[in-house]
Amino acid sequence: MHGEPKGPRPIGDVRVVLHRVGPDRAGPLDSMLTDPKGRYHFRYTASGSPDAIYFVSASYHGIAYFSFPLREAVTRGDDAQITVFDTTSRPIPIHVLGHHIILGAPNQSGQREVVEVFELGNDTSVTRVTGTAHRPVFESVLPRGATDAKVNPNGEIAPTALSLADGRVRLFAPLSPGSRQLSFAYQVPKSALPLTYPLAQPTGVLEVLLEEPRAKVAGAGLTEVQPTTASGRAFRRYLAQNVSGQAAVQIDVPFALDDARSRFFLAIAIVSALAMVGAVVYAARRRRAEIPARPRTAHAPATEELFQAIAQIDARLDQADVATDDERARYAAERARLKSRLAEALAAERQPG
């Protein structure tokens, strides 16, 4: 076991625990204190599920560290070594080795799931902890409109060590030297598009995966590369390397006519129908001003009333709630009948009194 910024040294009197984790059962098997040379020794017999793994943990300054899985019948040397580190709450640099943004296709309600994965690197010789001020070890910003944020329960960071509130992701878990992966997901509605991701610090590798064929990405020097698949889903893939901390990524899905085709054409149809009816009414009124009015009869309704009835039929035909073919056929037949009566009424008005 090793630790200390000035070089590795053996550490005695540290509690180490042998663990078994398998699909049938899991738990500690044995424990002991290291000797003055940092050595420990366990004897155990593998049992139960053949998929079970065995490893050793050590707790140093309140931080847990782990060995590699014990694969051999006798494991010693580097394979059994546990490296521990001193801790610091000073703001040592935590590097973003990788940042991955995965935008899924929309569901029936128009919500899209976004998954973000950070690979965080600590290249010092001390473990970064929050300290008494409880400042986050790492922090990121969620895009505008993000909801239902949650941590990947199977990731390297425990959900209890991450805060997803006030539009920010705050990590409070200790980060030991080396790299750790942080992943979380959230939902974004269609109204949140375009999504903007300002990069708070330099990023080694930036990757964006888009499931929607129409989605577009811009900024940060991203370049489209070969697409990829995951869990049977196809994604377009964009990459950039050594991205500066002043860059930003924007993801958008252009408006498609198919998204609102019925509403768009309904609006145009209604406006056009009303404009046409208005023009016909205006012309009819001008004709009535020029031709002496004939008295109304039960067999010849006023032309304005027929115009209004036809306009109402047109509006009903264009409404989305007129769903069945039978309903549309009845409206069309009624419209044809009214048009015939309108033609008769207009012809009657043109005849001299």
Protein backbone atom coordinates (compact mmCIF):
# COMPACT_ATOMS: atom_id res chain seq x y z
CA MET A 1 0.00 0.00 0.00
CA HIS A 2 1.31 3.42 -0.96
CA GLY A 3 0.58 7.08 -0.46
CA GLU A 4 2.00 10.56 0.21
CA PRO A 5 2.82 13.27 -2.32
CA LYS A 6 6.64 12.91 -2.06
CA GLY A 7 6.67 9.28 -3.12
CA PRO A 8 5.14 5.90 -2.31
CA ARG A 9 5.77 4.31 1.05
CA PRO A 10 4.25 1.34 2.90
CA ILE A 11 1.55 2.20 5.41
CA GLY A 12 0.87 0.02 8.43
CA ASP A 13 -2.11 -0.29 10.72
CA VAL A 14 -4.65 0.24 7.94
CA ARG A 15 -7.84 -1.83 7.97
CA VAL A 16 -8.24 -3.99 4.85
CA VAL A 17 -11.33 -6.09 4.05
CA LEU A 18 -11.78 -9.08 1.75
CA HIS A 19 -15.06 -8.90 -0.20
CA ARG A 20 -17.09 -11.33 -2.27
CA VAL A 21 -19.68 -10.03 -4.77
CA GLY A 22 -21.78 -12.47 -6.79
CA PRO A 23 -25.29 -12.90 -8.20
CA ASP A 24 -26.13 -15.29 -5.36
CA ARG A 25 -24.77 -13.27 -2.41
CA ALA A 26 -22.39 -10.44 -1.54
CA GLY A 27 -20.57 -9.23 1.55
CA PRO A 28 -17.28 -9.06 3.45
CA LEU A 29 -15.46 -12.33 4.15
CA ASP A 30 -12.56 -11.27 6.39
CA SER A 31 -10.57 -8.26 7.57
CA MET A 32 -7.23 -7.40 9.17
CA LEU A 33 -4.76 -4.56 9.79
CA THR A 34 -1.70 -4.15 7.59
CA ASP A 35 1.67 -4.80 9.18
CA PRO A 36 4.37 -2.07 9.46
CA LYS A 37 5.43 -2.82 5.88
CA GLY A 38 1.88 -2.39 4.60
CA ARG A 39 1.39 -6.09 3.98
CA TYR A 40 -1.76 -8.17 4.42
CA HIS A 41 -2.67 -11.81 3.90
CA PHE A 42 -6.01 -13.56 3.40
CA ARG A 43 -6.81 -17.21 2.81
CA TYR A 44 -10.24 -18.01 1.34
CA THR A 45 -12.03 -20.64 -0.74
CA ALA A 46 -14.10 -19.63 -3.73
CA SER A 47 -17.69 -20.85 -3.45
CA GLY A 48 -21.12 -20.41 -4.89
CA SER A 49 -21.64 -18.80 -8.27
CA PRO A 50 -18.66 -19.00 -10.65
CA ASP A 51 -19.45 -15.40 -11.65
CA ALA A 52 -18.58 -14.10 -8.19
CA ILE A 53 -15.58 -11.81 -7.86
CA TYR A 54 -13.26 -11.29 -4.89
CA PHE A 55 -11.35 -8.12 -4.06
CA VAL A 56 -9.81 -6.24 -1.12
CA SER A 57 -10.63 -2.72 0.08
CA ALA A 58 -8.73 -0.35 2.34
CA SER A 59 -10.04 2.75 4.12
CA TYR A 60 -7.54 5.60 4.46
CA HIS A 61 -8.48 9.04 5.78
CA GLY A 62 -12.10 8.06 5.39
CA ILE A 63 -11.75 7.22 1.68
CA ALA A 64 -12.19 3.67 0.36
CA TYR A 65 -9.67 2.25 -2.13
CA PHE A 66 -9.80 -1.12 -3.87
CA SER A 67 -7.57 -3.81 -5.31
CA PHE A 68 -8.07 -5.37 -8.72
CA PRO A 69 -10.31 -8.46 -8.71
CA LEU A 70 -8.43 -11.47 -7.40
CA ARG A 71 -8.36 -13.82 -10.40
CA GLU A 72 -5.60 -16.29 -9.56
CA ALA A 73 -5.50 -19.03 -6.93
CA VAL A 74 -2.60 -17.15 -5.34
CA THR A 75 -2.53 -13.39 -5.89
CA ARG A 76 0.40 -11.27 -4.78
CA GLY A 77 2.51 -8.30 -5.81
CA ASP A 78 1.02 -5.61 -8.06
CA ASP A 79 -2.20 -7.58 -8.60
CA ALA A 80 -2.94 -7.48 -4.86
CA GLN A 81 -1.56 -4.01 -4.19
CA ILE A 82 -3.86 -1.25 -2.96
CA THR A 83 -2.68 2.31 -3.52
CA VAL A 84 -4.05 4.96 -1.15
CA PHE A 85 -3.51 8.70 -1.16
CA ASP A 86 -3.46 11.64 1.16
CA THR A 87 -6.46 13.96 0.82
CA THR A 88 -6.85 17.68 0.17
CA SER A 89 -9.76 20.09 -0.03
CA ARG A 90 -7.66 22.62 -1.93
CA PRO A 91 -8.99 23.40 -5.42
CA ILE A 92 -6.60 21.14 -7.29
CA PRO A 93 -7.38 20.89 -11.00
CA ILE A 94 -9.87 18.27 -12.11
CA HIS A 95 -9.53 17.79 -15.85
CA VAL A 96 -12.32 16.87 -18.27
CA LEU A 97 -10.70 14.04 -20.22
CA GLY A 98 -13.92 13.34 -22.11
CA HIS A 99 -17.41 14.76 -22.41
CA HIS A 100 -20.10 12.78 -24.24
CA ILE A 101 -23.61 14.08 -25.03
CA ILE A 102 -26.19 11.60 -26.34
CA LEU A 103 -29.53 12.98 -27.61
CA GLY A 104 -32.28 10.40 -28.09
CA ALA A 105 -35.27 10.49 -30.41
CA PRO A 106 -38.51 12.03 -29.08
CA ASN A 107 -41.16 9.92 -27.44
CA GLN A 108 -44.90 10.25 -28.12
CA SER A 109 -45.15 13.38 -25.95
CA GLY A 110 -42.20 15.04 -27.69
CA GLN A 111 -39.80 14.56 -24.77
CA ARG A 112 -36.20 13.63 -25.57
CA GLU A 113 -33.82 11.90 -23.20
CA VAL A 114 -30.29 13.27 -22.98
CA VAL A 115 -27.43 11.33 -21.41
CA GLU A 116 -24.20 13.10 -20.47
CA VAL A 117 -21.02 11.26 -19.53
CA PHE A 118 -17.92 12.98 -18.14
CA GLU A 119 -14.53 11.34 -17.77
CA LEU A 120 -12.82 13.29 -14.99
CA GLY A 121 -9.09 13.13 -14.41
CA ASN A 122 -7.04 13.90 -11.30
CA ASP A 123 -3.35 13.89 -12.25
CA THR A 124 -2.07 14.90 -8.81
CA SER A 125 -0.89 12.60 -6.03
CA VAL A 126 -3.69 13.49 -3.59
CA THR A 127 -7.41 12.71 -3.41
CA ARG A 128 -9.63 15.75 -3.82
CA VAL A 129 -12.39 15.98 -1.18
CA THR A 130 -15.05 18.59 -0.48
CA GLY A 131 -13.70 19.79 2.87
CA THR A 132 -15.57 21.73 5.55
CA ALA A 133 -16.89 24.35 3.10
CA HIS A 134 -18.64 21.54 1.24
CA ARG A 135 -17.65 22.92 -2.12
CA PRO A 136 -18.30 20.56 -5.03
CA VAL A 137 -15.33 18.70 -6.43
CA PHE A 138 -16.74 19.19 -9.93
CA GLU A 139 -19.63 21.21 -11.33
CA SER A 140 -21.48 21.38 -14.66
CA VAL A 141 -24.53 23.23 -15.99
CA LEU A 142 -27.69 21.56 -17.28
CA PRO A 143 -29.23 23.00 -20.46
CA ARG A 144 -32.28 25.25 -20.23
CA GLY A 145 -35.52 23.31 -19.89
CA ALA A 146 -33.95 20.10 -18.54
CA THR A 147 -36.21 18.15 -16.19
CA ASP A 148 -36.27 14.84 -14.29
CA ALA A 149 -32.47 14.68 -13.96
CA LYS A 150 -31.11 11.48 -12.44
CA VAL A 151 -27.74 9.82 -11.87
CA ASN A 152 -26.80 6.55 -13.53
CA PRO A 153 -27.24 4.09 -10.64
CA ASN A 154 -24.73 1.68 -12.21
CA GLY A 155 -22.02 4.28 -12.77
CA GLU A 156 -18.76 4.84 -10.94
CA ILE A 157 -20.22 7.71 -8.89
CA ALA A 158 -22.81 6.89 -6.24
CA PRO A 159 -26.12 8.76 -6.72
CA THR A 160 -25.87 10.11 -3.17
CA ALA A 161 -22.61 11.89 -4.07
CA LEU A 162 -24.22 13.97 -6.81
CA SER A 163 -26.59 16.93 -6.57
CA LEU A 164 -28.87 17.70 -9.53
CA ALA A 165 -30.63 20.92 -8.57
CA ASP A 166 -31.00 24.55 -9.64
CA GLY A 167 -29.94 23.67 -13.17
CA ARG A 168 -26.52 22.43 -12.04
CA VAL A 169 -24.73 19.14 -11.55
CA ARG A 170 -22.52 19.17 -8.45
CA LEU A 171 -20.21 16.31 -7.51
CA PHE A 172 -19.29 15.85 -3.84
CA ALA A 173 -17.58 12.44 -4.05
CA PRO A 174 -13.84 12.20 -3.44
CA LEU A 175 -11.77 12.02 -6.62
CA SER A 176 -8.59 10.03 -6.20
CA PRO A 177 -5.68 10.27 -8.66
CA GLY A 178 -6.54 8.72 -11.99
CA SER A 179 -9.82 8.93 -13.89
CA ARG A 180 -13.43 8.48 -12.86
CA GLN A 181 -16.61 8.42 -14.94
CA LEU A 182 -19.67 10.46 -14.10
CA SER A 183 -22.95 9.87 -15.98
CA PHE A 184 -26.45 11.27 -15.62
CA ALA A 185 -29.59 11.69 -17.72
CA TYR A 186 -32.49 14.14 -18.02
CA GLN A 187 -35.48 14.94 -20.20
CA VAL A 188 -35.90 17.96 -22.48
CA PRO A 189 -39.18 19.05 -24.11
CA LYS A 190 -39.40 20.22 -27.69
CA SER A 191 -39.74 23.80 -26.42
CA ALA A 192 -36.23 23.59 -24.91
CA LEU A 193 -34.60 23.31 -28.35
CA PRO A 194 -32.04 24.40 -29.31
CA LEU A 195 -29.92 22.99 -26.48
CA THR A 196 -26.80 24.95 -25.57
CA TYR A 197 -23.83 23.48 -23.69
CA PRO A 198 -21.16 25.99 -22.65
CA LEU A 199 -17.90 24.20 -21.84
CA ALA A 200 -16.67 25.48 -18.51
CA GLN A 201 -13.13 24.17 -18.99
CA PRO A 202 -10.90 22.59 -21.63
CA THR A 203 -12.03 19.16 -22.77
CA GLY A 204 -9.77 16.45 -24.15
CA VAL A 205 -12.36 14.62 -26.27
CA LEU A 206 -15.83 15.97 -27.01
CA GLU A 207 -18.37 13.59 -28.53
CA VAL A 208 -22.00 14.20 -29.55
CA LEU A 209 -24.33 11.35 -30.58
CA LEU A 210 -27.64 12.19 -32.26
CA GLU A 211 -30.36 9.58 -32.77
CA GLU A 212 -32.59 11.85 -34.86
CA PRO A 213 -31.53 12.09 -38.53
CA ARG A 214 -32.70 15.72 -38.74
CA ALA A 215 -30.84 16.88 -35.63
CA LYS A 216 -27.96 19.30 -36.15
CA VAL A 217 -24.97 20.21 -34.01
CA ALA A 218 -22.66 23.20 -34.23
CA GLY A 219 -19.75 24.72 -32.35
CA ALA A 220 -16.60 23.55 -30.57
CA GLY A 221 -15.01 22.40 -33.83
CA LEU A 222 -17.16 19.26 -33.96
CA THR A 223 -16.84 17.18 -37.13
CA GLU A 224 -19.15 14.39 -38.24
CA VAL A 225 -17.51 10.96 -38.37
CA GLN A 226 -18.76 7.43 -39.01
CA PRO A 227 -22.12 6.70 -37.35
CA THR A 228 -22.39 4.19 -34.55
CA THR A 229 -24.99 1.92 -32.97
CA ALA A 230 -25.78 1.14 -29.35
CA SER A 231 -28.44 -1.25 -28.04
CA GLY A 232 -29.86 -1.54 -31.54
CA ARG A 233 -30.20 2.23 -31.95
CA ALA A 234 -28.36 4.16 -34.66
CA PHE A 235 -26.61 7.45 -33.89
CA ARG A 236 -24.87 10.05 -35.98
CA ARG A 237 -21.53 10.84 -34.35
CA TYR A 238 -19.55 14.08 -34.02
CA LEU A 239 -16.07 14.45 -32.51
CA ALA A 240 -13.68 17.21 -31.47
CA GLN A 241 -10.39 17.10 -29.60
CA ASN A 242 -8.62 19.53 -27.28
CA VAL A 243 -11.59 21.89 -27.07
CA SER A 244 -11.07 25.19 -25.27
CA GLY A 245 -12.98 26.18 -22.17
CA GLN A 246 -14.60 29.12 -23.98
CA ALA A 247 -16.37 26.96 -26.58
CA ALA A 248 -20.04 26.04 -26.66
CA VAL A 249 -22.09 23.32 -28.34
CA GLN A 250 -25.55 23.90 -29.76
CA ILE A 251 -27.90 21.06 -30.73
CA ASP A 252 -31.11 21.73 -32.62
CA VAL A 253 -33.77 19.80 -34.51
CA PRO A 254 -35.07 21.93 -37.42
CA PHE A 255 -38.83 22.42 -37.65
CA ALA A 256 -40.34 19.95 -40.07
CA LEU A 257 -43.61 20.45 -41.89
CA ASP A 258 -44.59 16.90 -40.98
CA ASP A 259 -44.47 17.83 -37.28
CA ALA A 260 -47.48 20.14 -37.63
CA ARG A 261 -48.73 19.53 -41.15
CA SER A 262 -52.37 19.12 -40.20
CA ARG A 263 -52.39 22.24 -38.02
CA PHE A 264 -50.55 24.29 -40.64
CA PHE A 265 -52.84 23.34 -43.50
CA LEU A 266 -55.90 23.67 -41.27
CA ALA A 267 -54.97 27.26 -40.44
CA ILE A 268 -54.27 28.11 -44.09
CA ALA A 269 -57.51 26.45 -45.21
CA ILE A 270 -59.63 28.31 -42.68
CA VAL A 271 -58.00 31.67 -43.43
CA SER A 272 -58.35 31.11 -47.17
CA ALA A 273 -61.97 29.98 -46.85
CA LEU A 274 -62.88 32.99 -44.74
CA ALA A 275 -61.09 35.33 -47.14
CA MET A 276 -62.91 33.83 -50.12
CA VAL A 277 -66.27 34.00 -48.35
CA GLY A 278 -65.58 37.60 -47.37
CA ALA A 279 -64.80 38.51 -50.96
CA VAL A 280 -67.96 36.83 -52.22
CA VAL A 281 -70.07 38.57 -49.57
CA TYR A 282 -68.50 41.93 -50.42
CA ALA A 283 -69.21 41.44 -54.13
CA ALA A 284 -72.74 40.32 -53.45
CA ARG A 285 -73.41 43.38 -51.33
CA ARG A 286 -72.12 45.62 -54.12
CA ARG A 287 -74.48 43.91 -56.56
CA ARG A 288 -77.37 44.32 -54.18
CA ALA A 289 -76.57 48.04 -53.92
CA GLU A 290 -76.79 48.32 -57.69
CA ILE A 291 -79.89 46.11 -58.22
CA PRO A 292 -83.19 46.88 -56.50
CA ALA A 293 -83.81 44.39 -53.76
CA ARG A 294 -86.45 41.75 -54.25
CA PRO A 295 -88.64 40.80 -51.35
CA ARG A 296 -87.50 37.69 -49.48
CA THR A 297 -89.64 34.59 -49.72
CA ALA A 298 -89.62 31.26 -47.99
CA HIS A 299 -88.26 29.72 -51.19
CA ALA A 300 -85.48 32.28 -51.71
CA PRO A 301 -83.47 32.91 -48.52
CA ALA A 302 -81.22 36.00 -48.40
CA THR A 303 -77.87 35.43 -50.13
CA GLU A 304 -76.00 36.56 -46.98
CA GLU A 305 -77.59 33.74 -45.02
CA LEU A 306 -76.49 31.22 -47.66
CA PHE A 307 -72.97 32.65 -47.69
CA GLN A 308 -72.80 32.34 -43.92
CA ALA A 309 -74.09 28.77 -43.98
CA ILE A 310 -71.50 27.76 -46.61
CA ALA A 311 -68.72 29.43 -44.57
CA GLN A 312 -69.74 27.44 -41.51
CA ILE A 313 -69.66 24.22 -43.54
CA ASP A 314 -66.15 25.08 -44.84
CA ALA A 315 -64.92 25.76 -41.32
CA ARG A 316 -66.32 22.44 -40.08
CA LEU A 317 -64.76 20.53 -42.97
CA ASP A 318 -61.34 21.97 -42.07
CA GLN A 319 -61.53 21.30 -38.34
CA ALA A 320 -59.48 18.43 -36.91
CA ASP A 321 -62.39 17.07 -34.89
CA VAL A 322 -64.29 16.13 -38.05
CA ALA A 323 -62.67 12.75 -38.06
CA THR A 324 -64.78 10.28 -40.03
CA ASP A 325 -65.38 9.98 -43.75
CA ASP A 326 -69.15 9.78 -43.18
CA GLU A 327 -69.18 13.12 -41.39
CA ARG A 328 -67.15 14.75 -44.12
CA ALA A 329 -69.48 13.28 -46.79
CA ARG A 330 -72.54 14.70 -45.04
CA TYR A 331 -70.95 18.13 -44.77
CA ALA A 332 -69.90 18.02 -48.43
CA ALA A 333 -73.44 17.11 -49.54
CA GLU A 334 -74.93 19.90 -47.48
CA ARG A 335 -72.40 22.37 -48.93
CA ALA A 336 -73.31 21.32 -52.48
CA ARG A 337 -77.01 21.82 -51.73
CA LEU A 338 -76.39 25.27 -50.28
CA LYS A 339 -74.24 26.27 -53.26
CA SER A 340 -77.06 25.28 -55.60
CA ARG A 341 -79.53 27.39 -53.66
CA LEU A 342 -77.04 30.28 -53.58
CA ALA A 343 -76.72 30.14 -57.37
CA GLU A 344 -80.51 30.22 -57.72
CA ALA A 345 -80.77 33.16 -55.31
CA LEU A 346 -78.08 35.16 -57.13
CA ALA A 347 -79.72 34.44 -60.48
CA ALA A 348 -83.07 35.58 -59.09
CA GLU A 349 -81.51 38.82 -57.82
CA ARG A 350 -80.10 39.61 -61.26
CA GLN A 351 -83.58 39.43 -62.85
CA PRO A 352 -85.23 42.86 -63.15
CA GLY A 353 -88.11 43.47 -60.83
